[in-house]
C-alpha cells in the first residue's frame, strides 16, 4: 500500500501527464519531400546501406518516412534508420530505427511508409540522414531503392555505405522520399510539473529518486531540497524537489 508521501508524488506527476495526454499526439505533417517520379533510377540495398541526407524544416518528432522501393525474390526484412550527420554523412548510432518485414515490401516500385515506434527528435535547419538496409542474401533477392535524376532536392544527397565508409552515391540524383514531423504548437505545451518526495535520512535525493519519476523522456537528476507542508502528517518537513518542463525542440520532458 502506498504511503501518504508516495501518493502525493504520484498525484503531482499524474496531473501533468493527464493534461498533456490530449495534445501529445498531434497529427504529423509532411516536412521534406522529393516525390517526382520522372527519370527514375534504382540501386540495391541488399547487404549494404543506401540512404539520403535531408535538412529538417520543422522542429519536433520525426515520426514517419515514406520511400519508394521494390522487392525482388527473398530479400529479407528492410531496416530503416535515422542518423545525425557530420560533414554531410551519417554518424553515430541510429536516432530512430524500424524494421519492415519482407512480406510488407512492395514487389513493384511504390511507396512504403515507415512509421517509427520511437520517433527521432529533429531541429529545423539541421541536416540528418536516413538509411535503408536489407540483409545480404547471396543473390536470392534484393530491395531496390528508387531515386530521381537529375538532382531535384537541395537539402541533401543520395548516399551509400561503400566498401568501408559512408560516401556520396551520386551527387546528381536524390532518393524519392517524404519525411513527417509532429510539431507541438506553443499553445499545446503543458505547464511545468512539480515532483517531490520526502528527503531520505541518508544519501542524496538523486540516488533516492524512483526511476518511475523519469517519465515522458525525462532523465534522472536535477533534484534539490526544499520544504513542503504535506510532510510529517501535515506539520511540514524537508523534501526532494525538482521541476520538469516540456521541451518541444527535444520532444520530451527535462528537469529545469
Foldseek 3Di string as FASTA:
>chain_A
DDDPQVVVQVVLVVVQVVLQVVQLCPDWDWWDFDADDPQKDKDWQEAWKKKKKFFGAAWFWFFKKKFWKAKDACQFKKKKFKAADDPQWGDDDGQFMDIGGPVQGHNDTDIDMDGTPHTGTDHGGGMMMMMMHTYHDPPRMTMMFMKHFQDDHDGIAIWIQPPHGIDGPDRRIGTGMIIIGDFRDPVSWTDKGKGKGAADPDDHPQVPDDPVSCPFVEDTDPWDKDKDQPPPPRNIDIMIMWIWGDDRNRRGIYTD
